[in-house]
Amino acid sequence: MVRFEYAITKHPAEHFQHLVYFCADDGSCSLEQVPGEQTKILEEILNRRGSEGWDLVQVAFGRNGLLAFWKRAAG
């Protein structure tokens, strides 16, 4: 049976000064009007973690940044 390990990484809003995401009063957030070149920040995170064998499971955006949930085969 394949076993997995998981990681949760925090990425403060300061790292994403050029990304525009909107958070409503109820806490729900979404990306709005993101220019193509601005997604490079997320792309770099994905490629760096991917090269270490991690698969992105989920991203949760919040007022102060985002949480990324990762998994990879343990061992």
C-alpha atoms as a PDB file:
ATOM      1  CA  MET A   1       0.000   0.000   0.000  1.00  0.00           C
ATOM      2  CA  VAL A   2       1.290   3.479  -0.871  1.00  0.00           C
ATOM      3  CA  ARG A   3       1.728   5.748   2.121  1.00  0.00           C
ATOM      4  CA  PHE A   4       1.753   9.516   1.920  1.00  0.00           C
ATOM      5  CA  GLU A   5       3.209  12.358   3.893  1.00  0.00           C
ATOM      6  CA  TYR A   6       1.660  15.806   3.936  1.00  0.00           C
ATOM      7  CA  ALA A   7       2.886  19.359   4.356  1.00  0.00           C
ATOM      8  CA  ILE A   8       1.146  22.683   4.792  1.00  0.00           C
ATOM      9  CA  THR A   9       3.062  25.805   3.811  1.00  0.00           C
ATOM     10  CA  LYS A  10       2.207  29.426   4.599  1.00  0.00           C
ATOM     11  CA  HIS A  11       2.829  32.153   2.037  1.00  0.00           C
ATOM     12  CA  PRO A  12       2.281  35.690   3.411  1.00  0.00           C
ATOM     13  CA  ALA A  13       0.463  38.303   1.360  1.00  0.00           C
ATOM     14  CA  GLU A  14       3.709  40.314   1.147  1.00  0.00           C
ATOM     15  CA  HIS A  15       5.052  37.655  -1.246  1.00  0.00           C
ATOM     16  CA  PHE A  16       2.122  38.331  -3.560  1.00  0.00           C
ATOM     17  CA  GLN A  17       2.078  42.115  -3.777  1.00  0.00           C
ATOM     18  CA  HIS A  18       1.347  41.940  -7.486  1.00  0.00           C
ATOM     19  CA  LEU A  19      -1.368  39.288  -7.295  1.00  0.00           C
ATOM     20  CA  VAL A  20      -4.839  40.671  -6.882  1.00  0.00           C
ATOM     21  CA  TYR A  21      -7.223  38.578  -4.865  1.00  0.00           C
ATOM     22  CA  PHE A  22     -10.397  39.790  -3.279  1.00  0.00           C
ATOM     23  CA  CYS A  23     -11.640  38.766   0.154  1.00  0.00           C
ATOM     24  CA  ALA A  24     -15.261  39.488   1.020  1.00  0.00           C
ATOM     25  CA  ASP A  25     -16.436  40.388   4.515  1.00  0.00           C
ATOM     26  CA  ASP A  26     -17.500  36.780   5.098  1.00  0.00           C
ATOM     27  CA  GLY A  27     -13.893  35.640   4.523  1.00  0.00           C
ATOM     28  CA  SER A  28     -14.426  34.076   1.101  1.00  0.00           C
ATOM     29  CA  CYS A  29     -11.647  34.988  -1.321  1.00  0.00           C
ATOM     30  CA  SER A  30     -11.052  34.716  -5.050  1.00  0.00           C
ATOM     31  CA  LEU A  31      -8.476  35.755  -7.615  1.00  0.00           C
ATOM     32  CA  GLU A  32      -9.492  38.785  -9.625  1.00  0.00           C
ATOM     33  CA  GLN A  33      -7.885  40.276 -12.735  1.00  0.00           C
ATOM     34  CA  VAL A  34      -4.554  38.475 -12.389  1.00  0.00           C
ATOM     35  CA  PRO A  35      -2.177  39.422 -15.227  1.00  0.00           C
ATOM     36  CA  GLY A  36      -0.315  36.470 -16.736  1.00  0.00           C
ATOM     37  CA  GLU A  37       3.133  37.603 -15.607  1.00  0.00           C
ATOM     38  CA  GLN A  38       1.936  37.926 -12.018  1.00  0.00           C
ATOM     39  CA  THR A  39       1.169  34.219 -11.780  1.00  0.00           C
ATOM     40  CA  LYS A  40       4.934  33.562 -11.951  1.00  0.00           C
ATOM     41  CA  ILE A  41       5.126  33.775  -8.150  1.00  0.00           C
ATOM     42  CA  LEU A  42       2.710  30.856  -7.784  1.00  0.00           C
ATOM     43  CA  GLU A  43       4.382  29.011 -10.651  1.00  0.00           C
ATOM     44  CA  GLU A  44       7.772  29.246  -8.910  1.00  0.00           C
ATOM     45  CA  ILE A  45       6.331  27.806  -5.689  1.00  0.00           C
ATOM     46  CA  LEU A  46       4.650  24.965  -7.596  1.00  0.00           C
ATOM     47  CA  ASN A  47       7.788  24.109  -9.570  1.00  0.00           C
ATOM     48  CA  ARG A  48      10.074  24.261  -6.527  1.00  0.00           C
ATOM     49  CA  ARG A  49       7.868  21.955  -4.447  1.00  0.00           C
ATOM     50  CA  GLY A  50       7.126  19.735  -7.445  1.00  0.00           C
ATOM     51  CA  SER A  51      10.850  19.184  -8.019  1.00  0.00           C
ATOM     52  CA  GLU A  52      10.964  17.854  -4.437  1.00  0.00           C
ATOM     53  CA  GLY A  53       8.232  15.326  -5.250  1.00  0.00           C
ATOM     54  CA  TRP A  54       5.294  17.217  -3.709  1.00  0.00           C
ATOM     55  CA  ASP A  55       1.853  17.331  -5.351  1.00  0.00           C
ATOM     56  CA  LEU A  56      -0.389  20.308  -4.649  1.00  0.00           C
ATOM     57  CA  VAL A  57      -3.645  19.177  -3.057  1.00  0.00           C
ATOM     58  CA  GLN A  58      -5.353  22.498  -2.257  1.00  0.00           C
ATOM     59  CA  VAL A  59      -4.735  26.235  -1.937  1.00  0.00           C
ATOM     60  CA  ALA A  60      -6.672  28.344   0.550  1.00  0.00           C
ATOM     61  CA  PHE A  61      -6.575  32.115   0.046  1.00  0.00           C
ATOM     62  CA  GLY A  62      -7.112  34.435   2.992  1.00  0.00           C
ATOM     63  CA  ARG A  63      -6.737  38.077   3.872  1.00  0.00           C
ATOM     64  CA  ASN A  64      -3.126  37.658   5.005  1.00  0.00           C
ATOM     65  CA  GLY A  65      -1.873  35.295   2.304  1.00  0.00           C
ATOM     66  CA  LEU A  66      -2.409  31.690   1.394  1.00  0.00           C
ATOM     67  CA  LEU A  67      -1.969  28.172   2.695  1.00  0.00           C
ATOM     68  CA  ALA A  68      -0.847  25.432   0.326  1.00  0.00           C
ATOM     69  CA  PHE A  69      -1.557  21.773   1.110  1.00  0.00           C
ATOM     70  CA  TRP A  70       0.881  19.234  -0.367  1.00  0.00           C
ATOM     71  CA  LYS A  71       1.311  15.460  -0.412  1.00  0.00           C
ATOM     72  CA  ARG A  72       3.912  13.001  -1.673  1.00  0.00           C
ATOM     73  CA  ALA A  73       4.637   9.327  -1.390  1.00  0.00           C
ATOM     74  CA  ALA A  74       6.400   8.575   1.901  1.00  0.00           C
ATOM     75  CA  GLY A  75       9.609   6.673   1.979  1.00  0.00           C
END
